[in-house]
């Protein structure tokens, strides 16, 4: 099925969750979450990093509208995006870590490479 995964949420809730998770990933470098969420976060985070690489006014407005913390958006432009200037995609890595204890959901760590 093409497009994004629904993740059992309404579209506004899903978008807010992904914004928060991408912000947290860019702030801390890694997140522990379920595999399906990690795959969605990877798609959104990689698009954000690619957008930030151009570093013009339009991309800044797009990123500042999406990232929930201003200091994380600044970090994206100043530190993270320049690090990946010579790289065409593949900014994140997903490592599966086995089932979660409570409900046996497959867990993963997503981190910036």
Protein backbone atom coordinates (compact mmCIF):
# COMPACT_ATOMS: atom_id res chain seq x y z
CA UNK A 1 0.00 0.00 0.00
CA UNK A 2 1.59 3.31 -1.04
CA UNK A 3 1.79 6.38 1.15
CA UNK A 4 2.28 6.72 4.88
CA UNK A 5 1.32 4.30 7.62
CA UNK A 6 -1.67 5.29 9.73
CA UNK A 7 -0.19 4.04 13.03
CA UNK A 8 -3.66 3.71 14.55
CA UNK A 9 -4.14 7.46 14.89
CA UNK A 10 -6.12 10.29 13.35
CA UNK A 11 -4.16 12.36 10.85
CA UNK A 12 -3.67 15.37 13.15
CA UNK A 13 -2.54 13.17 16.05
CA UNK A 14 -0.20 11.23 13.74
CA UNK A 15 1.35 14.41 12.34
CA UNK A 16 1.86 15.85 15.83
CA UNK A 17 3.45 12.59 17.02
CA UNK A 18 5.84 12.49 14.06
CA UNK A 19 6.79 16.16 14.56
CA UNK A 20 7.58 15.46 18.21
CA UNK A 21 9.55 12.30 17.43
CA UNK A 22 11.60 13.96 14.68
CA UNK A 23 12.33 16.90 16.99
CA UNK A 24 13.45 14.51 19.74
CA UNK A 25 15.59 12.51 17.27
CA UNK A 26 17.37 15.64 16.02
CA UNK A 27 17.82 16.88 19.60
CA UNK A 28 19.23 13.68 21.12
CA UNK A 29 20.55 11.68 18.18
CA UNK A 30 18.54 8.51 18.85
CA UNK A 31 15.09 7.21 19.87
CA UNK A 32 13.82 3.83 21.04
CA UNK A 33 10.40 3.11 19.51
CA UNK A 34 8.49 0.47 17.56
CA UNK A 35 9.80 -0.61 14.15
CA UNK A 36 6.83 0.79 12.19
CA UNK A 37 7.07 4.17 13.93
CA UNK A 38 10.84 4.20 13.37
CA UNK A 39 10.31 3.66 9.63
CA UNK A 40 7.87 6.58 9.47
CA UNK A 41 10.17 8.82 11.54
CA UNK A 42 13.07 7.94 9.23
CA UNK A 43 11.17 9.15 6.15
CA UNK A 44 10.18 12.45 7.77
CA UNK A 45 13.57 13.09 9.40
CA UNK A 46 15.51 12.44 6.20
CA UNK A 47 13.26 14.86 4.29
CA UNK A 48 13.84 17.50 7.00
CA UNK A 49 17.63 17.06 6.85
CA UNK A 50 17.61 17.21 3.03
CA UNK A 51 15.53 20.39 3.17
CA UNK A 52 17.90 21.94 5.72
CA UNK A 53 20.92 21.24 3.48
CA UNK A 54 19.85 23.96 1.02
CA UNK A 55 19.95 26.55 3.87
CA UNK A 56 17.96 29.32 2.20
CA UNK A 57 15.07 31.38 3.55
CA UNK A 58 12.39 29.08 2.14
CA UNK A 59 13.89 25.95 3.69
CA UNK A 60 14.35 27.75 7.03
CA UNK A 61 10.68 28.71 7.07
CA UNK A 62 9.65 25.14 6.22
CA UNK A 63 11.82 23.64 8.98
CA UNK A 64 10.87 26.23 11.62
CA UNK A 65 7.20 25.50 10.82
CA UNK A 66 7.73 21.75 11.30
CA UNK A 67 10.25 21.34 14.16
CA UNK A 68 8.59 22.04 17.52
CA UNK A 69 11.65 23.55 19.30
CA UNK A 70 13.43 26.57 17.86
CA UNK A 71 16.85 25.60 19.27
CA UNK A 72 16.58 22.14 17.64
CA UNK A 73 15.79 23.75 14.28
CA UNK A 74 18.86 25.99 14.68
CA UNK A 75 20.95 22.93 15.58
CA UNK A 76 19.66 21.23 12.41
CA UNK A 77 20.88 24.11 10.22
CA UNK A 78 24.14 24.81 12.10
CA UNK A 79 25.40 21.33 13.06
CA UNK A 80 23.43 18.42 11.57
CA UNK A 81 22.82 19.43 7.93
CA UNK A 82 26.43 20.55 7.20
CA UNK A 83 27.65 17.19 8.51
CA UNK A 84 25.68 15.43 5.74
CA UNK A 85 26.54 17.84 2.86
CA UNK A 86 28.52 15.21 0.96
CA UNK A 87 25.91 12.48 1.54
CA UNK A 88 22.82 11.88 -0.61
CA UNK A 89 20.31 10.43 1.84
CA UNK A 90 20.76 7.65 4.36
CA UNK A 91 21.15 9.94 7.36
CA UNK A 92 19.52 7.53 9.83
CA UNK A 93 19.99 3.92 10.91
CA UNK A 94 17.33 1.57 12.34
CA UNK A 95 18.52 -1.25 14.61
CA UNK A 96 15.95 -3.85 15.72
CA UNK A 97 16.25 -4.73 19.42
CA UNK A 98 13.58 -7.41 19.89
CA UNK A 99 10.07 -7.51 21.35
CA UNK A 100 8.73 -5.15 24.01
CA UNK A 101 7.96 -6.85 27.29
CA UNK A 102 4.39 -5.65 27.75
CA UNK A 103 2.79 -6.38 24.40
CA UNK A 104 5.61 -8.04 22.39
CA UNK A 105 5.67 -5.19 19.86
CA UNK A 106 8.87 -5.30 17.78
CA UNK A 107 11.13 -2.50 19.07
CA UNK A 108 13.92 -0.63 17.33
CA UNK A 109 16.43 2.15 17.89
CA UNK A 110 16.56 4.86 15.24
CA UNK A 111 19.69 7.01 15.29
CA UNK A 112 21.49 9.57 13.18
CA UNK A 113 24.45 8.07 11.31
